Amino acid sequence: MAPFGFTWLTFTAFIVTGLTVVAAILWAIFTRNTRNTRNTRNTRNTR
């Protein structure tokens, strides 16, 4: 019963959110590897 525009907007928002999350993770890994090459053990065990 949902209109096509709503599903298309939800699909686009989901893709944009996923790309933003992936870009943020890649940016964090890239900056972490280039900035702290010494603290790889400490930054890896953050969880």
N, C-alpha and C. Protein backbone atom coordinates (compact mmCIF):
# COMPACT_ATOMS: atom_id res chain seq x y z
N MET A 1 0.82 -1.20 0.00
CA MET A 1 0.00 0.00 0.00
C MET A 1 0.87 1.26 0.00
N ALA A 2 2.14 1.10 0.25
CA ALA A 2 3.02 2.28 0.27
C ALA A 2 3.23 2.79 -1.15
N PRO A 3 3.22 4.09 -1.33
CA PRO A 3 3.43 4.65 -2.68
C PRO A 3 4.83 4.36 -3.18
N PHE A 4 4.99 4.43 -4.50
CA PHE A 4 6.29 4.09 -5.10
C PHE A 4 7.34 5.11 -4.70
N GLY A 5 6.94 6.38 -4.54
CA GLY A 5 7.91 7.42 -4.18
C GLY A 5 8.50 7.16 -2.80
N PHE A 6 7.68 6.64 -1.89
CA PHE A 6 8.18 6.40 -0.53
C PHE A 6 9.22 5.28 -0.54
N THR A 7 8.92 4.20 -1.29
CA THR A 7 9.86 3.09 -1.33
C THR A 7 11.14 3.51 -2.04
N TRP A 8 11.02 4.34 -3.09
CA TRP A 8 12.22 4.79 -3.81
C TRP A 8 13.05 5.70 -2.92
N LEU A 9 12.38 6.57 -2.14
CA LEU A 9 13.13 7.45 -1.22
C LEU A 9 13.80 6.63 -0.13
N THR A 10 13.10 5.61 0.37
CA THR A 10 13.70 4.76 1.40
C THR A 10 14.90 4.01 0.84
N PHE A 11 14.76 3.50 -0.39
CA PHE A 11 15.87 2.77 -1.02
C PHE A 11 17.07 3.69 -1.23
N THR A 12 16.81 4.92 -1.70
CA THR A 12 17.91 5.86 -1.92
C THR A 12 18.56 6.26 -0.60
N ALA A 13 17.74 6.49 0.42
CA ALA A 13 18.28 6.87 1.73
C ALA A 13 19.12 5.74 2.31
N PHE A 14 18.68 4.49 2.10
CA PHE A 14 19.44 3.34 2.60
C PHE A 14 20.79 3.24 1.90
N ILE A 15 20.81 3.48 0.58
CA ILE A 15 22.07 3.41 -0.17
C ILE A 15 23.00 4.54 0.27
N VAL A 16 22.45 5.74 0.43
CA VAL A 16 23.27 6.88 0.84
C VAL A 16 23.84 6.64 2.24
N THR A 17 23.01 6.10 3.14
CA THR A 17 23.48 5.82 4.49
C THR A 17 24.57 4.76 4.48
N GLY A 18 24.37 3.72 3.68
CA GLY A 18 25.38 2.66 3.60
C GLY A 18 26.69 3.18 3.03
N LEU A 19 26.61 4.01 1.99
CA LEU A 19 27.83 4.56 1.41
C LEU A 19 28.52 5.49 2.40
N THR A 20 27.74 6.24 3.17
CA THR A 20 28.33 7.14 4.17
C THR A 20 29.04 6.34 5.26
N VAL A 21 28.42 5.24 5.70
CA VAL A 21 29.04 4.41 6.73
C VAL A 21 30.32 3.79 6.21
N VAL A 22 30.28 3.27 4.98
CA VAL A 22 31.48 2.65 4.40
C VAL A 22 32.58 3.69 4.23
N ALA A 23 32.20 4.89 3.76
CA ALA A 23 33.20 5.94 3.57
C ALA A 23 33.79 6.36 4.91
N ALA A 24 32.96 6.44 5.95
CA ALA A 24 33.46 6.84 7.26
C ALA A 24 34.41 5.78 7.82
N ILE A 25 34.08 4.50 7.62
CA ILE A 25 34.95 3.43 8.11
C ILE A 25 36.27 3.44 7.35
N LEU A 26 36.20 3.58 6.02
CA LEU A 26 37.43 3.61 5.23
C LEU A 26 38.26 4.84 5.59
N TRP A 27 37.62 5.98 5.83
CA TRP A 27 38.35 7.20 6.18
C TRP A 27 39.03 7.02 7.54
N ALA A 28 38.31 6.38 8.50
CA ALA A 28 38.89 6.16 9.82
C ALA A 28 40.09 5.21 9.73
N ILE A 29 39.97 4.16 8.92
CA ILE A 29 41.07 3.21 8.78
C ILE A 29 42.25 3.89 8.08
N PHE A 30 41.95 4.70 7.05
CA PHE A 30 43.03 5.34 6.30
C PHE A 30 43.76 6.35 7.18
N THR A 31 43.02 7.17 7.90
CA THR A 31 43.68 8.18 8.75
C THR A 31 44.39 7.50 9.92
N ARG A 32 43.83 6.40 10.41
CA ARG A 32 44.46 5.72 11.54
C ARG A 32 45.77 5.08 11.09
N ASN A 33 45.78 4.48 9.89
CA ASN A 33 47.00 3.83 9.42
C ASN A 33 48.07 4.84 9.05
N THR A 34 47.69 5.98 8.50
CA THR A 34 48.69 6.95 8.09
C THR A 34 49.16 7.78 9.28
N ARG A 35 48.30 8.01 10.25
CA ARG A 35 48.68 8.86 11.37
C ARG A 35 49.41 8.07 12.44
N ASN A 36 48.83 6.93 12.85
CA ASN A 36 49.44 6.15 13.94
C ASN A 36 49.94 4.82 13.38
N THR A 37 51.13 4.82 12.86
CA THR A 37 51.69 3.55 12.40
C THR A 37 52.30 2.80 13.58
N ARG A 38 52.60 3.53 14.67
CA ARG A 38 53.19 2.90 15.83
C ARG A 38 52.15 2.21 16.69
N ASN A 39 50.95 2.83 16.82
CA ASN A 39 49.95 2.31 17.75
C ASN A 39 48.94 1.42 17.04
N THR A 40 49.40 0.51 16.22
CA THR A 40 48.45 -0.37 15.53
C THR A 40 47.83 -1.34 16.52
N ARG A 41 48.60 -1.76 17.54
CA ARG A 41 48.04 -2.70 18.49
C ARG A 41 47.01 -2.02 19.38
N ASN A 42 47.25 -0.78 19.76
CA ASN A 42 46.31 -0.09 20.65
C ASN A 42 45.04 0.31 19.92
N THR A 43 45.15 0.76 18.67
CA THR A 43 43.95 1.20 17.95
C THR A 43 43.13 0.00 17.48
N ARG A 44 43.76 -1.16 17.36
CA ARG A 44 43.00 -2.32 16.88
C ARG A 44 42.10 -2.87 17.99
N ASN A 45 42.51 -2.72 19.24
CA ASN A 45 41.72 -3.29 20.34
C ASN A 45 40.84 -2.22 20.99
N THR A 46 40.17 -1.42 20.18
CA THR A 46 39.31 -0.39 20.76
C THR A 46 37.96 -0.96 21.17
N ARG A 47 37.53 -2.07 20.54
CA ARG A 47 36.22 -2.63 20.89
C ARG A 47 36.33 -3.43 22.17
